[in-house]
């Protein structure tokens, strides 16, 4: 008889603990759901202009050692969407913003025309593109690498062909690809 009382008391205590645990779990679940439903408010709203911007990499040689150096620029997508090759080349022509870099495309050079042919961008420059220093062999190489590295950042571009006034020129007779590092 005494054993039956102990078992009954033990069962009653077990039922109370289980019910209490169940109620506690339900309470914590509801409280957690309430905090999850709260709307997140960012510290600063992203403007429409910021949503339209992208980062592009332009390559310029460093003043100190002529090694090509990427320079990131934040530009409006609307400026690059219709003709990205023209926009990127014109940014190279404008020159670097970073004081450690130097301009590589000769002054007064204009991009006459550009188009994509398969995975090759054809660039038709004005004759001023030939006004680079012929004594410094790295200048022509760096100009080509700067153009190629900048344009091959775009997924659809693997090669670059350079024309001068719509014609092939002995100075730029090859089709250039990005060098594997």
Protein backbone atom coordinates (compact mmCIF):
# COMPACT_ATOMS: atom_id res chain seq x y z
CA UNK A 1 0.00 0.00 0.00
CA UNK A 2 2.83 2.35 0.91
CA UNK A 3 4.51 1.57 -2.44
CA UNK A 4 1.30 2.43 -4.32
CA UNK A 5 1.14 5.85 -2.62
CA UNK A 6 4.75 6.59 -3.59
CA UNK A 7 4.08 5.55 -7.19
CA UNK A 8 0.91 7.70 -7.36
CA UNK A 9 2.72 10.74 -5.89
CA UNK A 10 5.63 10.17 -8.27
CA UNK A 11 3.23 9.97 -11.26
CA UNK A 12 1.42 13.15 -10.17
CA UNK A 13 4.77 14.98 -9.84
CA UNK A 14 5.85 13.65 -13.25
CA UNK A 15 2.60 14.89 -14.85
CA UNK A 16 3.03 18.34 -13.22
CA UNK A 17 6.65 18.60 -14.45
CA UNK A 18 5.67 17.52 -17.99
CA UNK A 19 2.72 19.95 -18.14
CA UNK A 20 4.87 22.76 -16.73
CA UNK A 21 7.61 22.04 -19.29
CA UNK A 22 5.07 21.98 -22.12
CA UNK A 23 3.56 25.31 -21.04
CA UNK A 24 7.04 26.86 -20.68
CA UNK A 25 8.07 25.67 -24.16
CA UNK A 26 4.89 27.07 -25.72
CA UNK A 27 5.43 30.41 -23.96
CA UNK A 28 9.04 30.64 -25.20
CA UNK A 29 8.00 29.70 -28.77
CA UNK A 30 5.35 32.44 -28.86
CA UNK A 31 7.74 35.01 -27.43
CA UNK A 32 10.42 34.05 -29.98
CA UNK A 33 7.94 34.33 -32.87
CA UNK A 34 6.92 37.79 -31.72
CA UNK A 35 10.52 39.00 -31.83
CA UNK A 36 11.04 37.40 -35.25
CA UNK A 37 8.07 39.24 -36.72
CA UNK A 38 9.49 42.66 -35.83
CA UNK A 39 10.47 44.51 -39.00
CA UNK A 40 14.14 45.32 -39.55
CA UNK A 41 14.81 48.99 -40.11
CA UNK A 42 18.22 49.74 -41.64
CA UNK A 43 20.35 52.53 -40.21
CA UNK A 44 20.44 54.34 -43.55
CA UNK A 45 18.21 53.77 -46.54
CA UNK A 46 19.87 52.80 -49.82
CA UNK A 47 19.12 55.45 -52.38
CA UNK A 48 17.98 54.68 -55.89
CA UNK A 49 21.26 56.14 -57.17
CA UNK A 50 23.30 53.77 -54.98
CA UNK A 51 21.32 50.81 -56.30
CA UNK A 52 22.28 51.74 -59.87
CA UNK A 53 26.03 51.84 -59.24
CA UNK A 54 28.66 49.21 -59.97
CA UNK A 55 32.40 48.95 -59.51
CA UNK A 56 34.68 48.56 -62.52
CA UNK A 57 38.43 47.96 -62.57
CA UNK A 58 40.63 50.11 -64.78
CA UNK A 59 44.30 49.26 -65.17
CA UNK A 60 46.99 51.95 -65.10
CA UNK A 61 50.77 51.68 -64.66
CA UNK A 62 52.27 52.84 -61.39
CA UNK A 63 54.50 55.94 -61.66
CA UNK A 64 57.26 54.35 -59.60
CA UNK A 65 57.81 51.06 -61.46
CA UNK A 66 55.41 50.89 -64.45
CA UNK A 67 53.63 47.79 -63.11
CA UNK A 68 49.95 47.67 -63.96
CA UNK A 69 47.74 48.51 -61.04
CA UNK A 70 43.95 48.07 -60.90
CA UNK A 71 41.99 51.18 -59.97
CA UNK A 72 38.39 50.67 -58.87
CA UNK A 73 35.77 53.16 -60.04
CA UNK A 74 32.17 53.42 -58.95
CA UNK A 75 29.99 54.26 -61.95
CA UNK A 76 26.30 54.43 -62.73
CA UNK A 77 25.06 51.30 -64.50
CA UNK A 78 23.13 53.47 -66.96
CA UNK A 79 26.47 54.81 -68.25
CA UNK A 80 27.86 51.36 -68.97
CA UNK A 81 24.81 49.33 -69.98
CA UNK A 82 24.48 50.42 -73.62
CA UNK A 83 28.13 50.51 -74.66
CA UNK A 84 30.44 49.27 -71.90
CA UNK A 85 33.55 49.12 -74.13
CA UNK A 86 33.29 52.80 -75.08
CA UNK A 87 32.71 53.86 -71.48
CA UNK A 88 35.65 51.85 -70.14
CA UNK A 89 38.03 53.05 -72.86
CA UNK A 90 36.97 56.67 -72.33
CA UNK A 91 37.67 56.25 -68.60
CA UNK A 92 41.15 54.95 -69.49
CA UNK A 93 41.67 57.92 -71.83
CA UNK A 94 40.63 60.34 -69.04
CA UNK A 95 43.38 58.84 -66.89
CA UNK A 96 43.70 57.69 -63.30
CA UNK A 97 42.24 59.30 -60.19
CA UNK A 98 44.89 57.72 -57.97
CA UNK A 99 48.01 59.90 -57.78
CA UNK A 100 50.29 56.82 -57.71
CA UNK A 101 49.12 55.79 -61.19
CA UNK A 102 49.92 57.45 -64.49
CA UNK A 103 47.89 57.87 -67.66
CA UNK A 104 48.79 55.40 -70.38
CA UNK A 105 46.77 56.29 -73.48
CA UNK A 106 48.33 59.23 -75.39
CA UNK A 107 46.75 62.66 -75.03
CA UNK A 108 43.96 63.65 -77.46
CA UNK A 109 43.33 60.01 -78.45
CA UNK A 110 39.69 59.41 -79.40
CA UNK A 111 37.78 56.17 -79.74
CA UNK A 112 36.17 56.38 -83.19
CA UNK A 113 34.25 53.13 -83.11
CA UNK A 114 34.00 49.89 -81.15
CA UNK A 115 32.11 46.62 -81.50
CA UNK A 116 32.10 43.05 -80.26
CA UNK A 117 32.88 40.32 -82.78
CA UNK A 118 32.39 36.90 -81.13
CA UNK A 119 34.45 37.29 -77.92
CA UNK A 120 36.79 39.97 -79.37
CA UNK A 121 36.27 43.71 -78.91
CA UNK A 122 37.44 45.70 -81.93
CA UNK A 123 38.57 49.21 -81.02
CA UNK A 124 39.10 51.86 -83.70
CA UNK A 125 41.24 54.70 -82.33
CA UNK A 126 42.22 58.05 -83.81
CA UNK A 127 45.86 58.33 -85.02
CA UNK A 128 46.87 60.00 -81.73
CA UNK A 129 47.01 56.52 -80.19
CA UNK A 130 50.35 56.14 -82.01
CA UNK A 131 51.85 59.10 -80.08
CA UNK A 132 53.32 56.95 -77.31
CA UNK A 133 57.05 57.02 -76.54
CA UNK A 134 58.72 54.68 -79.04
CA UNK A 135 61.96 54.64 -76.98
CA UNK A 136 60.23 53.13 -73.94
CA UNK A 137 59.24 49.57 -74.93
CA UNK A 138 57.10 49.14 -71.82
CA UNK A 139 54.85 52.06 -72.72
CA UNK A 140 53.24 50.33 -75.72
CA UNK A 141 53.05 47.02 -73.80
CA UNK A 142 51.44 48.70 -70.82
CA UNK A 143 48.94 50.53 -73.02
CA UNK A 144 47.88 47.23 -74.61
CA UNK A 145 47.78 45.41 -71.26
CA UNK A 146 45.83 48.26 -69.70
CA UNK A 147 43.18 48.11 -72.44
CA UNK A 148 43.04 44.30 -72.53
CA UNK A 149 42.92 43.82 -68.75
CA UNK A 150 40.22 46.46 -68.36
CA UNK A 151 37.98 45.07 -71.13
CA UNK A 152 38.46 41.39 -70.24
CA UNK A 153 36.97 42.12 -66.84
CA UNK A 154 33.70 41.89 -68.78
CA UNK A 155 32.46 38.30 -69.06
CA UNK A 156 31.83 38.38 -72.81
CA UNK A 157 35.30 39.69 -73.73
CA UNK A 158 38.38 37.47 -74.14
CA UNK A 159 40.35 39.32 -76.84
CA UNK A 160 40.97 42.84 -78.15
CA UNK A 161 41.84 44.02 -81.67
CA UNK A 162 43.13 47.58 -82.14
CA UNK A 163 42.63 49.55 -85.36
CA UNK A 164 43.83 53.05 -86.22
CA UNK A 165 41.41 55.13 -88.29
CA UNK A 166 39.49 52.00 -89.28
CA UNK A 167 42.54 50.15 -90.61
CA UNK A 168 44.96 47.61 -89.26
CA UNK A 169 48.24 49.19 -88.28
CA UNK A 170 51.70 47.61 -88.04
CA UNK A 171 52.01 48.95 -84.48
CA UNK A 172 48.94 46.98 -83.33
CA UNK A 173 48.70 44.09 -85.75
CA UNK A 174 47.94 41.32 -83.23
CA UNK A 175 44.80 40.24 -81.47
CA UNK A 176 45.55 40.63 -77.78
CA UNK A 177 44.42 38.37 -74.94
CA UNK A 178 44.84 38.74 -71.22
CA UNK A 179 48.06 37.10 -70.07
CA UNK A 180 47.67 34.30 -67.57
CA UNK A 181 49.45 35.09 -64.32
